[in-house]
Every structure is written in C-alpha cells, then in structure tokens.
Amino acid sequence: MSPASRYITCAGYEIHVTEWGAPDAPAVIAWHGLARTGRDMDELAAHLAAQGWRVVCPDTLGRGLSQWGRDPLHEYCLRFYARLAADLFDQLGIASAHWVGTSMGGAIGTVCASGLFAPQLKGRIQSLVLNDNAPELSALALERIKAYAGQPPAFDTVTELEAFFRQVYRPYGWLSDAQWRRLTETSTRRLGDGRVTPHYDPAMVQQFTHHADDYLIWEHYDALDIPVLCLRGAESDLVLPDTVAAMHQRGPGARGLLQVIEVPGCGHAPALNVPEQLAWVAGFLQRSAAPGEGGGCGSLLLK
C-alpha cells in the first residue's frame, strides 16, 4: 500500500501530509518528532490502514516538504502547532480522530486534546499515544537535543548523511537497511554549495531558547479525559521513571485511563516499525475506538 501525498493550507502555510487508507475510514493522526518528518510513520500507517484506518501523517511547519516559518520566535512552539493541527482537521474534513505522536508529536497531541490552546479541538481527539513523550521532560536531555538540532551537520554525500543518522538515531532501535535508507532519503535537503543536510529549518530550535517551558505541560495532561498509552523507551533519557510515576497519579492516570509500556531495546524514541510495537499501538486504538470504528471493540478503560 502506498500513501497519497497532499498539500493543504494551515494557518497560512502550505503543509505537506501523507495519507494512508480510505478517505472515509476512521481517522488517526500520526505526528512525528522534533527534527523528523511524517514519513517516519510509514510502517505504522501502512499497518493501521490495512486494519481499516485512515492515517494522516503531517510534516510539521519547518520540516520535510512543509513551508518554513516566517516568524520562528512565535511559530515554532506548541501553541502555534496546535493552531496548525486545528486547521488540518478542518481542511481534511476530520470530525474526530485518534492521535499517535512521537516525542514532539505527542506533546502536540496533548495540548490539542486538552483544548487549552485550540478549544475547537476539545472532544475531537478520542485517544492519545505518547511515543516516548510525557508532560515533563528531562532537562539534561532537552539540552542535548537543543545542541544538535540547532546546528545540523552538512555532508558531501547522502551516504555520509545516512551514517550520521544511523549514529544519532541509534536509540530508535532496530531498523532494516532499507528503512535506514528511506529515513535518510525522506529527510535530506541539498544546500546551495551542493552538500546535504537534514531536511528541517534550524530556526525551529528557538522553541527551546524562547519558550523554555514549552514542554512542561502538566496542565494540559491533567485536563485529559481520554485513553492514553505511553510507550517509554526502556533506555530513554528524555522520559524519566519518576515522571511516569507521576503520570499514574494525575490526569488520565488518576482516572484509570493510562497504560504505560516499557519498550525494550530502545531509547528516545521507538521507531514504531517492528511487529510488537505495531501490535501495541493497533490494539490500543481498537480498544479505544467507538463500537464499529476501525475494527474497534468498544471503549475500554486502560489500567
């Protein structure tokens, strides 16, 4: 199964999305991590589409084939990303959807589902998968991400860039050679001097320099009343065990709506590309679905 490639206008910007599955099927939004693109979700999207879901995978503003922000200080932040998401729902005619988000994508899903940044999305996100994301992230890990994301390297050849990706994204866990090649080719841009570099706007790192607490989103998490699955990389330095323990005591955790799975052999963040991880996400979506939706078996509380 191959995706459809589309360009839509959200918050005044051209945003690229890949779509999998039938357009009238129940929807899943699959949102990528900080310096990545929607094509990271290919394996998951293909798996879910085969089970009867419509899966929408955006490239965030400043990433992949989407436009870059004209006002980085105010647009590379969760509040503006929520505005993009709200327009994406409306442009694609999505009344409601489930949400799977890796890292930054999970944080965007959290603030969208809470309705505090985008009131028009309140009640329209039916469940949330946080792939190595939480309402509070390790300060040391954020400093590490800020250091590499703000100064992307450049290489003479795509082969060298792939070697870089294999090193920096080793915590993703196992990827086949073909998957590493696709990861590279779908997140590469060529500079004016002919060299190649990761396909994102380096200015997006201003989210960390000008919005220091942008990822401290307990207020949004506490407001959630939907099923939440947290996939924590067992070796993650971003989502700490103490934070996961607090999640169990607050928001969806206190309401019996939170499930946490430790993903062995992964750090930040699991690639969602192997059978076990695909089964965890698909099973959660089925349990969280309304009767008859996406092969679901009714709404269940997760404990």
C-alpha atoms as a PDB file:
ATOM      1  CA  MET A   1       0.000   0.000   0.000  1.00  0.00           C
ATOM      2  CA  SER A   2       1.324   3.442  -0.966  1.00  0.00           C
ATOM      3  CA  PRO A   3       0.347   6.768   0.572  1.00  0.00           C
ATOM      4  CA  ALA A   4      -1.217   9.743  -1.153  1.00  0.00           C
ATOM      5  CA  SER A   5       0.820  12.951  -0.985  1.00  0.00           C
ATOM      6  CA  ARG A   6      -1.149  16.146  -0.361  1.00  0.00           C
ATOM      7  CA  TYR A   7      -0.501  19.814   0.290  1.00  0.00           C
ATOM      8  CA  ILE A   8      -3.007  21.782   2.350  1.00  0.00           C
ATOM      9  CA  THR A   9      -3.094  25.298   3.793  1.00  0.00           C
ATOM     10  CA  CYS A  10      -2.961  25.525   7.589  1.00  0.00           C
ATOM     11  CA  ALA A  11      -2.535  28.815   9.475  1.00  0.00           C
ATOM     12  CA  GLY A  12      -1.465  30.457   6.234  1.00  0.00           C
ATOM     13  CA  TYR A  13       1.214  27.882   5.393  1.00  0.00           C
ATOM     14  CA  GLU A  14       1.473  25.045   2.889  1.00  0.00           C
ATOM     15  CA  ILE A  15       1.678  21.876   4.963  1.00  0.00           C
ATOM     16  CA  HIS A  16       2.578  18.529   3.415  1.00  0.00           C
ATOM     17  CA  VAL A  17       0.797  15.370   4.550  1.00  0.00           C
ATOM     18  CA  THR A  18       0.890  11.753   3.503  1.00  0.00           C
ATOM     19  CA  GLU A  19      -2.400   9.875   3.804  1.00  0.00           C
ATOM     20  CA  TRP A  20      -2.945   6.154   4.039  1.00  0.00           C
ATOM     21  CA  GLY A  21      -6.173   4.174   3.805  1.00  0.00           C
ATOM     22  CA  ALA A  22      -9.679   5.035   2.645  1.00  0.00           C
ATOM     23  CA  PRO A  23     -10.687   8.707   2.999  1.00  0.00           C
ATOM     24  CA  ASP A  24     -13.970   7.767   4.696  1.00  0.00           C
ATOM     25  CA  ALA A  25     -12.355   5.441   7.271  1.00  0.00           C
ATOM     26  CA  PRO A  26     -11.975   6.418  10.954  1.00  0.00           C
ATOM     27  CA  ALA A  27      -9.012   8.755  11.277  1.00  0.00           C
ATOM     28  CA  VAL A  28      -5.683   8.530  13.060  1.00  0.00           C
ATOM     29  CA  ILE A  29      -3.280  11.476  13.154  1.00  0.00           C
ATOM     30  CA  ALA A  30       0.326  10.224  13.306  1.00  0.00           C
ATOM     31  CA  TRP A  31       2.665  13.106  14.160  1.00  0.00           C
ATOM     32  CA  HIS A  32       6.453  12.833  14.024  1.00  0.00           C
ATOM     33  CA  GLY A  33       9.218  14.016  16.359  1.00  0.00           C
ATOM     34  CA  LEU A  34      11.147  17.270  16.607  1.00  0.00           C
ATOM     35  CA  ALA A  35      13.606  17.094  13.691  1.00  0.00           C
ATOM     36  CA  ARG A  36      11.868  14.423  11.654  1.00  0.00           C
ATOM     37  CA  THR A  37       9.130  14.124   9.010  1.00  0.00           C
ATOM     38  CA  GLY A  38       5.811  12.368   8.599  1.00  0.00           C
ATOM     39  CA  ARG A  39       7.468   9.603   6.593  1.00  0.00           C
ATOM     40  CA  ASP A  40       8.817   8.193   9.869  1.00  0.00           C
ATOM     41  CA  MET A  41       5.290   6.849  10.346  1.00  0.00           C
ATOM     42  CA  ASP A  42       5.227   4.766   7.142  1.00  0.00           C
ATOM     43  CA  GLU A  43       5.310   1.327   8.799  1.00  0.00           C
ATOM     44  CA  LEU A  44       2.709   2.235  11.395  1.00  0.00           C
ATOM     45  CA  ALA A  45       0.484   3.954   8.850  1.00  0.00           C
ATOM     46  CA  ALA A  46       0.579   1.027   6.435  1.00  0.00           C
ATOM     47  CA  HIS A  47      -0.198  -1.389   9.277  1.00  0.00           C
ATOM     48  CA  LEU A  48      -3.163   0.646  10.533  1.00  0.00           C
ATOM     49  CA  ALA A  49      -4.518   1.344   7.048  1.00  0.00           C
ATOM     50  CA  ALA A  50      -4.643  -2.407   6.430  1.00  0.00           C
ATOM     51  CA  GLN A  51      -6.837  -2.665   9.536  1.00  0.00           C
ATOM     52  CA  GLY A  52      -9.351  -0.125   8.280  1.00  0.00           C
ATOM     53  CA  TRP A  53      -7.994   3.217   9.473  1.00  0.00           C
ATOM     54  CA  ARG A  54      -7.344   6.441   7.589  1.00  0.00           C
ATOM     55  CA  VAL A  55      -3.901   7.603   8.740  1.00  0.00           C
ATOM     56  CA  VAL A  56      -2.757  11.200   8.245  1.00  0.00           C
ATOM     57  CA  CYS A  57       0.952  11.937   8.684  1.00  0.00           C
ATOM     58  CA  PRO A  58       1.840  15.658   8.530  1.00  0.00           C
ATOM     59  CA  ASP A  59       5.227  17.284   8.103  1.00  0.00           C
ATOM     60  CA  THR A  60       5.314  19.950  10.812  1.00  0.00           C
ATOM     61  CA  LEU A  61       5.949  23.560   9.817  1.00  0.00           C
ATOM     62  CA  GLY A  62       9.669  23.861   9.090  1.00  0.00           C
ATOM     63  CA  ARG A  63      10.152  20.138   8.461  1.00  0.00           C
ATOM     64  CA  GLY A  64      10.163  17.928   5.411  1.00  0.00           C
ATOM     65  CA  LEU A  65       8.136  19.295   2.497  1.00  0.00           C
ATOM     66  CA  SER A  66       6.127  21.803   4.548  1.00  0.00           C
ATOM     67  CA  GLN A  67       6.890  25.515   4.394  1.00  0.00           C
ATOM     68  CA  TRP A  68       9.280  27.075   6.882  1.00  0.00           C
ATOM     69  CA  GLY A  69       8.008  29.562   9.454  1.00  0.00           C
ATOM     70  CA  ARG A  70       8.254  33.268   8.641  1.00  0.00           C
ATOM     71  CA  ASP A  71       8.253  34.200  12.328  1.00  0.00           C
ATOM     72  CA  PRO A  72      10.305  31.494  14.091  1.00  0.00           C
ATOM     73  CA  LEU A  73      10.094  33.131  17.512  1.00  0.00           C
ATOM     74  CA  HIS A  74       6.300  32.874  17.645  1.00  0.00           C
ATOM     75  CA  GLU A  75       5.550  29.981  15.285  1.00  0.00           C
ATOM     76  CA  TYR A  76       7.933  27.230  16.376  1.00  0.00           C
ATOM     77  CA  CYS A  77       6.081  26.415  19.573  1.00  0.00           C
ATOM     78  CA  LEU A  78       3.306  24.116  20.773  1.00  0.00           C
ATOM     79  CA  ARG A  79       0.624  26.814  20.739  1.00  0.00           C
ATOM     80  CA  PHE A  80       1.151  27.503  17.021  1.00  0.00           C
ATOM     81  CA  TYR A  81       1.458  23.798  16.219  1.00  0.00           C
ATOM     82  CA  ALA A  82      -1.957  23.326  17.838  1.00  0.00           C
ATOM     83  CA  ARG A  83      -3.328  26.002  15.507  1.00  0.00           C
ATOM     84  CA  LEU A  84      -1.856  24.112  12.549  1.00  0.00           C
ATOM     85  CA  ALA A  85      -3.458  20.891  13.780  1.00  0.00           C
ATOM     86  CA  ALA A  86      -6.870  22.502  14.176  1.00  0.00           C
ATOM     87  CA  ASP A  87      -6.750  23.770  10.601  1.00  0.00           C
ATOM     88  CA  LEU A  88      -5.534  20.354   9.428  1.00  0.00           C
ATOM     89  CA  PHE A  89      -8.628  18.699  10.949  1.00  0.00           C
ATOM     90  CA  ASP A  90     -10.895  21.177   9.182  1.00  0.00           C
ATOM     91  CA  GLN A  91      -9.067  21.186   5.831  1.00  0.00           C
ATOM     92  CA  LEU A  92      -9.180  17.391   5.663  1.00  0.00           C
ATOM     93  CA  GLY A  93     -12.775  17.149   6.882  1.00  0.00           C
ATOM     94  CA  ILE A  94     -11.851  15.199  10.031  1.00  0.00           C
ATOM     95  CA  ALA A  95     -14.557  15.480  12.663  1.00  0.00           C
ATOM     96  CA  SER A  96     -12.653  13.398  15.215  1.00  0.00           C
ATOM     97  CA  ALA A  97      -9.513  11.281  15.306  1.00  0.00           C
ATOM     98  CA  HIS A  98      -7.196   9.213  17.421  1.00  0.00           C
ATOM     99  CA  TRP A  99      -3.663  10.587  17.820  1.00  0.00           C
ATOM    100  CA  VAL A 100      -0.268   8.876  17.776  1.00  0.00           C
ATOM    101  CA  GLY A 101       2.645  11.202  18.471  1.00  0.00           C
ATOM    102  CA  THR A 102       6.372  10.558  18.725  1.00  0.00           C
ATOM    103  CA  SER A 103       8.221  12.929  21.059  1.00  0.00           C
ATOM    104  CA  MET A 104       7.187  16.448  19.937  1.00  0.00           C
ATOM    105  CA  GLY A 105       4.223  14.888  18.133  1.00  0.00           C
ATOM    106  CA  GLY A 106       2.994  13.514  21.444  1.00  0.00           C
ATOM    107  CA  ALA A 107       3.254  16.935  23.077  1.00  0.00           C
ATOM    108  CA  ILE A 108       1.295  18.488  20.199  1.00  0.00           C
ATOM    109  CA  GLY A 109      -1.365  15.813  20.654  1.00  0.00           C
ATOM    110  CA  THR A 110      -1.548  16.509  24.394  1.00  0.00           C
ATOM    111  CA  VAL A 111      -2.092  20.259  24.012  1.00  0.00           C
ATOM    112  CA  CYS A 112      -4.588  19.679  21.202  1.00  0.00           C
ATOM    113  CA  ALA A 113      -6.582  17.133  23.189  1.00  0.00           C
ATOM    114  CA  SER A 114      -6.719  19.349  26.278  1.00  0.00           C
ATOM    115  CA  GLY A 115      -8.398  22.102  24.282  1.00  0.00           C
ATOM    116  CA  LEU A 116      -6.498  24.796  26.184  1.00  0.00           C
ATOM    117  CA  PHE A 117      -4.581  26.005  23.117  1.00  0.00           C
ATOM    118  CA  ALA A 118      -7.133  25.003  20.480  1.00  0.00           C
ATOM    119  CA  PRO A 119     -10.633  24.997  22.001  1.00  0.00           C
ATOM    120  CA  GLN A 120     -12.077  23.924  18.651  1.00  0.00           C
ATOM    121  CA  LEU A 121     -10.332  20.543  19.075  1.00  0.00           C
ATOM    122  CA  LYS A 122     -11.733  19.804  22.533  1.00  0.00           C
ATOM    123  CA  GLY A 123     -13.588  16.482  22.371  1.00  0.00           C
ATOM    124  CA  ARG A 124     -12.376  15.701  18.846  1.00  0.00           C
ATOM    125  CA  ILE A 125      -9.321  13.630  19.852  1.00  0.00           C
ATOM    126  CA  GLN A 126     -10.562  10.270  21.071  1.00  0.00           C
ATOM    127  CA  SER A 127      -7.345   8.691  22.342  1.00  0.00           C
ATOM    128  CA  LEU A 128      -3.674   9.546  22.564  1.00  0.00           C
ATOM    129  CA  VAL A 129      -0.479   7.528  22.099  1.00  0.00           C
ATOM    130  CA  LEU A 130       2.621   9.200  23.561  1.00  0.00           C
ATOM    131  CA  ASN A 131       5.674   7.603  21.969  1.00  0.00           C
ATOM    132  CA  ASP A 132       8.436   8.404  24.462  1.00  0.00           C
ATOM    133  CA  ASN A 133       6.795  11.653  25.466  1.00  0.00           C
ATOM    134  CA  ALA A 134       5.423  12.914  28.764  1.00  0.00           C
ATOM    135  CA  PRO A 135       4.130  16.169  30.265  1.00  0.00           C
ATOM    136  CA  GLU A 136       7.585  16.835  31.699  1.00  0.00           C
ATOM    137  CA  LEU A 137      10.903  16.009  30.031  1.00  0.00           C
ATOM    138  CA  SER A 138      14.442  15.628  31.361  1.00  0.00           C
ATOM    139  CA  ALA A 139      16.239  18.984  31.353  1.00  0.00           C
ATOM    140  CA  LEU A 140      19.556  17.315  30.530  1.00  0.00           C
ATOM    141  CA  ALA A 141      18.067  15.507  27.538  1.00  0.00           C
ATOM    142  CA  LEU A 142      16.474  18.712  26.278  1.00  0.00           C
ATOM    143  CA  GLU A 143      19.881  20.411  26.402  1.00  0.00           C
ATOM    144  CA  ARG A 144      21.312  17.536  24.349  1.00  0.00           C
ATOM    145  CA  ILE A 145      18.557  17.886  21.746  1.00  0.00           C
ATOM    146  CA  LYS A 146      18.973  21.666  21.601  1.00  0.00           C
ATOM    147  CA  ALA A 147      22.703  21.276  20.998  1.00  0.00           C
ATOM    148  CA  TYR A 148      22.380  19.014  17.948  1.00  0.00           C
ATOM    149  CA  ALA A 149      19.085  20.289  16.479  1.00  0.00           C
ATOM    150  CA  GLY A 150      20.162  23.903  16.223  1.00  0.00           C
ATOM    151  CA  GLN A 151      23.309  23.144  14.238  1.00  0.00           C
ATOM    152  CA  PRO A 152      22.517  20.370  11.757  1.00  0.00           C
ATOM    153  CA  PRO A 153      25.646  18.987  10.073  1.00  0.00           C
ATOM    154  CA  ALA A 154      26.263  19.006   6.341  1.00  0.00           C
ATOM    155  CA  PHE A 155      27.949  16.285   4.290  1.00  0.00           C
ATOM    156  CA  ASP A 156      29.265  15.907   0.773  1.00  0.00           C
ATOM    157  CA  THR A 157      27.269  12.727   0.129  1.00  0.00           C
ATOM    158  CA  VAL A 158      23.959  11.155   1.088  1.00  0.00           C
ATOM    159  CA  THR A 159      25.900   8.064   2.176  1.00  0.00           C
ATOM    160  CA  GLU A 160      27.707  10.141   4.798  1.00  0.00           C
ATOM    161  CA  LEU A 161      24.422  11.650   5.970  1.00  0.00           C
ATOM    162  CA  GLU A 162      22.948   8.164   6.341  1.00  0.00           C
ATOM    163  CA  ALA A 163      25.902   7.152   8.504  1.00  0.00           C
ATOM    164  CA  PHE A 164      25.217  10.196  10.688  1.00  0.00           C
ATOM    165  CA  PHE A 165      21.531   9.295  11.005  1.00  0.00           C
ATOM    166  CA  ARG A 166      22.404   5.712  11.937  1.00  0.00           C
ATOM    167  CA  GLN A 167      24.540   7.018  14.769  1.00  0.00           C
ATOM    168  CA  VAL A 168      22.349   9.791  16.165  1.00  0.00           C
ATOM    169  CA  TYR A 169      19.118   7.765  15.874  1.00  0.00           C
ATOM    170  CA  ARG A 170      20.537   4.513  17.214  1.00  0.00           C
ATOM    171  CA  PRO A 171      18.155   4.787  20.217  1.00  0.00           C
ATOM    172  CA  TYR A 172      15.254   4.214  17.787  1.00  0.00           C
ATOM    173  CA  GLY A 173      16.029   0.503  17.997  1.00  0.00           C
ATOM    174  CA  TRP A 174      16.256  -1.925  15.104  1.00  0.00           C
ATOM    175  CA  LEU A 175      15.738  -0.650  11.552  1.00  0.00           C
ATOM    176  CA  SER A 176      16.418  -2.616   8.384  1.00  0.00           C
ATOM    177  CA  ASP A 177      18.935  -1.304   5.864  1.00  0.00           C
ATOM    178  CA  ALA A 178      16.036  -0.344   3.609  1.00  0.00           C
ATOM    179  CA  GLN A 179      14.372   1.577   6.434  1.00  0.00           C
ATOM    180  CA  TRP A 180      17.573   3.486   7.220  1.00  0.00           C
ATOM    181  CA  ARG A 181      17.870   4.377   3.549  1.00  0.00           C
ATOM    182  CA  ARG A 182      14.282   5.608   3.383  1.00  0.00           C
ATOM    183  CA  LEU A 183      14.692   7.569   6.627  1.00  0.00           C
ATOM    184  CA  THR A 184      17.681   9.292   5.039  1.00  0.00           C
ATOM    185  CA  GLU A 185      16.187   9.951   1.628  1.00  0.00           C
ATOM    186  CA  THR A 186      12.938  11.345   3.068  1.00  0.00           C
ATOM    187  CA  SER A 187      14.725  13.766   5.391  1.00  0.00           C
ATOM    188  CA  THR A 188      17.529  15.149   3.220  1.00  0.00           C
ATOM    189  CA  ARG A 189      17.869  18.546   1.553  1.00  0.00           C
ATOM    190  CA  ARG A 190      20.723  19.896  -0.534  1.00  0.00           C
ATOM    191  CA  LEU A 191      22.370  23.172   0.376  1.00  0.00           C
ATOM    192  CA  GLY A 192      23.466  25.899  -2.024  1.00  0.00           C
ATOM    193  CA  ASP A 193      27.028  24.580  -2.000  1.00  0.00           C
ATOM    194  CA  GLY A 194      25.854  21.111  -3.030  1.00  0.00           C
ATOM    195  CA  ARG A 195      26.219  19.431   0.331  1.00  0.00           C
ATOM    196  CA  VAL A 196      23.329  17.603   2.014  1.00  0.00           C
ATOM    197  CA  THR A 197      21.832  18.209   5.460  1.00  0.00           C
ATOM    198  CA  PRO A 198      18.744  17.111   7.460  1.00  0.00           C
ATOM    199  CA  HIS A 199      15.525  18.485   5.980  1.00  0.00           C
ATOM    200  CA  TYR A 200      14.376  20.974   8.596  1.00  0.00           C
ATOM    201  CA  ASP A 201      14.660  24.646   9.462  1.00  0.00           C
ATOM    202  CA  PRO A 202      17.427  25.083  12.077  1.00  0.00           C
ATOM    203  CA  ALA A 203      15.458  28.016  13.480  1.00  0.00           C
ATOM    204  CA  MET A 204      12.926  25.575  14.934  1.00  0.00           C
ATOM    205  CA  VAL A 205      15.332  25.220  17.870  1.00  0.00           C
ATOM    206  CA  GLN A 206      14.059  28.631  19.004  1.00  0.00           C
ATOM    207  CA  GLN A 207      11.269  26.674  20.669  1.00  0.00           C
ATOM    208  CA  PHE A 208      13.829  25.811  23.339  1.00  0.00           C
ATOM    209  CA  THR A 209      15.596  29.163  23.538  1.00  0.00           C
ATOM    210  CA  HIS A 210      12.490  31.384  23.622  1.00  0.00           C
ATOM    211  CA  HIS A 211       9.886  29.019  25.091  1.00  0.00           C
ATOM    212  CA  ALA A 212      11.893  27.387  27.852  1.00  0.00           C
ATOM    213  CA  ASP A 213       8.913  25.657  29.479  1.00  0.00           C
ATOM    214  CA  ASP A 214       7.053  24.756  26.288  1.00  0.00           C
ATOM    215  CA  TYR A 215       7.281  21.055  27.077  1.00  0.00           C
ATOM    216  CA  LEU A 216       6.201  21.439  30.707  1.00  0.00           C
ATOM    217  CA  ILE A 217       2.545  20.656  30.015  1.00  0.00           C
ATOM    218  CA  TRP A 218       1.112  19.089  33.152  1.00  0.00           C
ATOM    219  CA  GLU A 219      -1.850  21.482  32.951  1.00  0.00           C
ATOM    220  CA  HIS A 220      -2.777  20.002  29.591  1.00  0.00           C
ATOM    221  CA  TYR A 221      -2.179  16.412  30.700  1.00  0.00           C
ATOM    222  CA  ASP A 222      -4.301  16.906  33.828  1.00  0.00           C
ATOM    223  CA  ALA A 223      -7.188  18.077  31.634  1.00  0.00           C
ATOM    224  CA  LEU A 224      -7.246  14.881  29.543  1.00  0.00           C
ATOM    225  CA  ASP A 225     -10.201  12.533  29.959  1.00  0.00           C
ATOM    226  CA  ILE A 226      -9.382  10.149  27.116  1.00  0.00           C
ATOM    227  CA  PRO A 227      -7.434   6.853  26.999  1.00  0.00           C
ATOM    228  CA  VAL A 228      -3.668   7.405  26.880  1.00  0.00           C
ATOM    229  CA  LEU A 229      -0.938   4.912  26.005  1.00  0.00           C
ATOM    230  CA  CYS A 230       2.634   5.886  26.874  1.00  0.00           C
ATOM    231  CA  LEU A 231       5.342   3.887  25.136  1.00  0.00           C
ATOM    232  CA  ARG A 232       8.535   4.617  27.047  1.00  0.00           C
ATOM    233  CA  GLY A 233      11.851   3.554  25.578  1.00  0.00           C
ATOM    234  CA  ALA A 234      13.425   1.450  28.316  1.00  0.00           C
ATOM    235  CA  GLU A 235      16.702   3.337  27.818  1.00  0.00           C
ATOM    236  CA  SER A 236      15.137   6.777  27.311  1.00  0.00           C
ATOM    237  CA  ASP A 237      16.939   9.759  28.793  1.00  0.00           C
ATOM    238  CA  LEU A 238      14.009  12.050  27.974  1.00  0.00           C
ATOM    239  CA  VAL A 239      11.076  10.424  29.798  1.00  0.00           C
ATOM    240  CA  LEU A 240      12.236   9.597  33.319  1.00  0.00           C
ATOM    241  CA  PRO A 241      10.706   6.915  35.572  1.00  0.00           C
ATOM    242  CA  ASP A 242       9.725   9.486  38.215  1.00  0.00           C
ATOM    243  CA  THR A 243       7.720  11.371  35.601  1.00  0.00           C
ATOM    244  CA  VAL A 244       5.907   8.197  34.539  1.00  0.00           C
ATOM    245  CA  ALA A 245       5.096   7.503  38.200  1.00  0.00           C
ATOM    246  CA  ALA A 246       3.586  10.984  38.480  1.00  0.00           C
ATOM    247  CA  MET A 247       1.547  10.394  35.322  1.00  0.00           C
ATOM    248  CA  HIS A 248      -0.129   7.461  37.048  1.00  0.00           C
ATOM    249  CA  GLN A 249      -1.274   9.758  39.868  1.00  0.00           C
ATOM    250  CA  ARG A 250      -2.586  12.631  37.757  1.00  0.00           C
ATOM    251  CA  GLY A 251      -4.916  13.321  34.849  1.00  0.00           C
ATOM    252  CA  PRO A 252      -5.774  10.194  32.845  1.00  0.00           C
ATOM    253  CA  GLY A 253      -3.669   8.086  35.228  1.00  0.00           C
ATOM    254  CA  ALA A 254      -5.818   9.056  38.206  1.00  0.00           C
ATOM    255  CA  ARG A 255      -8.915   8.297  36.105  1.00  0.00           C
ATOM    256  CA  GLY A 256      -7.783   4.788  35.159  1.00  0.00           C
ATOM    257  CA  LEU A 257      -7.224   5.830  31.537  1.00  0.00           C
ATOM    258  CA  LEU A 258      -3.444   5.447  31.340  1.00  0.00           C
ATOM    259  CA  GLN A 259      -1.424   2.464  30.146  1.00  0.00           C
ATOM    260  CA  VAL A 260       2.389   2.505  30.121  1.00  0.00           C
ATOM    261  CA  ILE A 261       4.571   0.041  28.222  1.00  0.00           C
ATOM    262  CA  GLU A 262       8.344  -0.077  28.554  1.00  0.00           C
ATOM    263  CA  VAL A 263       9.822  -0.743  25.108  1.00  0.00           C
ATOM    264  CA  PRO A 264      12.954  -2.906  25.385  1.00  0.00           C
ATOM    265  CA  GLY A 265      15.997  -2.210  23.257  1.00  0.00           C
ATOM    266  CA  CYS A 266      15.024   1.421  22.607  1.00  0.00           C
ATOM    267  CA  GLY A 267      15.827   4.847  23.981  1.00  0.00           C
ATOM    268  CA  HIS A 268      14.356   8.008  22.513  1.00  0.00           C
ATOM    269  CA  ALA A 269      12.256   7.124  20.656  1.00  0.00           C
ATOM    270  CA  PRO A 270      10.964   3.722  19.484  1.00  0.00           C
ATOM    271  CA  ALA A 271      10.691   3.707  15.683  1.00  0.00           C
ATOM    272  CA  LEU A 272       7.218   2.082  15.634  1.00  0.00           C
ATOM    273  CA  ASN A 273       8.385  -0.230  12.879  1.00  0.00           C
ATOM    274  CA  VAL A 274       8.529  -3.755  14.345  1.00  0.00           C
ATOM    275  CA  PRO A 275       5.615  -6.178  14.870  1.00  0.00           C
ATOM    276  CA  GLU A 276       5.456  -5.890  18.663  1.00  0.00           C
ATOM    277  CA  GLN A 277       5.301  -2.091  18.652  1.00  0.00           C
ATOM    278  CA  LEU A 278       2.777  -2.045  15.805  1.00  0.00           C
ATOM    279  CA  ALA A 279       0.586  -4.505  17.704  1.00  0.00           C
ATOM    280  CA  TRP A 280       0.677  -2.412  20.866  1.00  0.00           C
ATOM    281  CA  VAL A 281      -0.497   0.707  19.040  1.00  0.00           C
ATOM    282  CA  ALA A 282      -3.095  -1.073  16.910  1.00  0.00           C
ATOM    283  CA  GLY A 283      -4.505  -2.914  19.908  1.00  0.00           C
ATOM    284  CA  PHE A 284      -4.773   0.277  21.933  1.00  0.00           C
ATOM    285  CA  LEU A 285      -6.587   2.061  19.118  1.00  0.00           C
ATOM    286  CA  GLN A 286      -9.015  -0.824  18.730  1.00  0.00           C
ATOM    287  CA  ARG A 287      -9.779  -0.853  22.456  1.00  0.00           C
ATOM    288  CA  SER A 288     -10.232   2.923  22.487  1.00  0.00           C
ATOM    289  CA  ALA A 289     -12.457   3.077  19.406  1.00  0.00           C
ATOM    290  CA  ALA A 290     -16.185   3.588  19.400  1.00  0.00           C
ATOM    291  CA  PRO A 291     -18.157   0.435  18.525  1.00  0.00           C
ATOM    292  CA  GLY A 292     -17.724  -0.382  14.842  1.00  0.00           C
ATOM    293  CA  GLU A 293     -14.935   2.148  14.350  1.00  0.00           C
ATOM    294  CA  GLY A 294     -11.690   0.921  12.791  1.00  0.00           C
ATOM    295  CA  GLY A 295     -12.331  -2.659  13.808  1.00  0.00           C
ATOM    296  CA  GLY A 296     -12.688  -1.468  17.408  1.00  0.00           C
ATOM    297  CA  CYS A 297     -14.362  -3.429  20.170  1.00  0.00           C
ATOM    298  CA  GLY A 298     -15.837  -0.571  22.162  1.00  0.00           C
ATOM    299  CA  SER A 299     -14.384   1.931  24.587  1.00  0.00           C
ATOM    300  CA  LEU A 300     -12.327   0.361  27.369  1.00  0.00           C
ATOM    301  CA  LEU A 301     -10.580   1.921  30.321  1.00  0.00           C
ATOM    302  CA  LEU A 302      -6.888   1.103  30.458  1.00  0.00           C
ATOM    303  CA  LYS A 303      -5.227   0.276  33.745  1.00  0.00           C
END
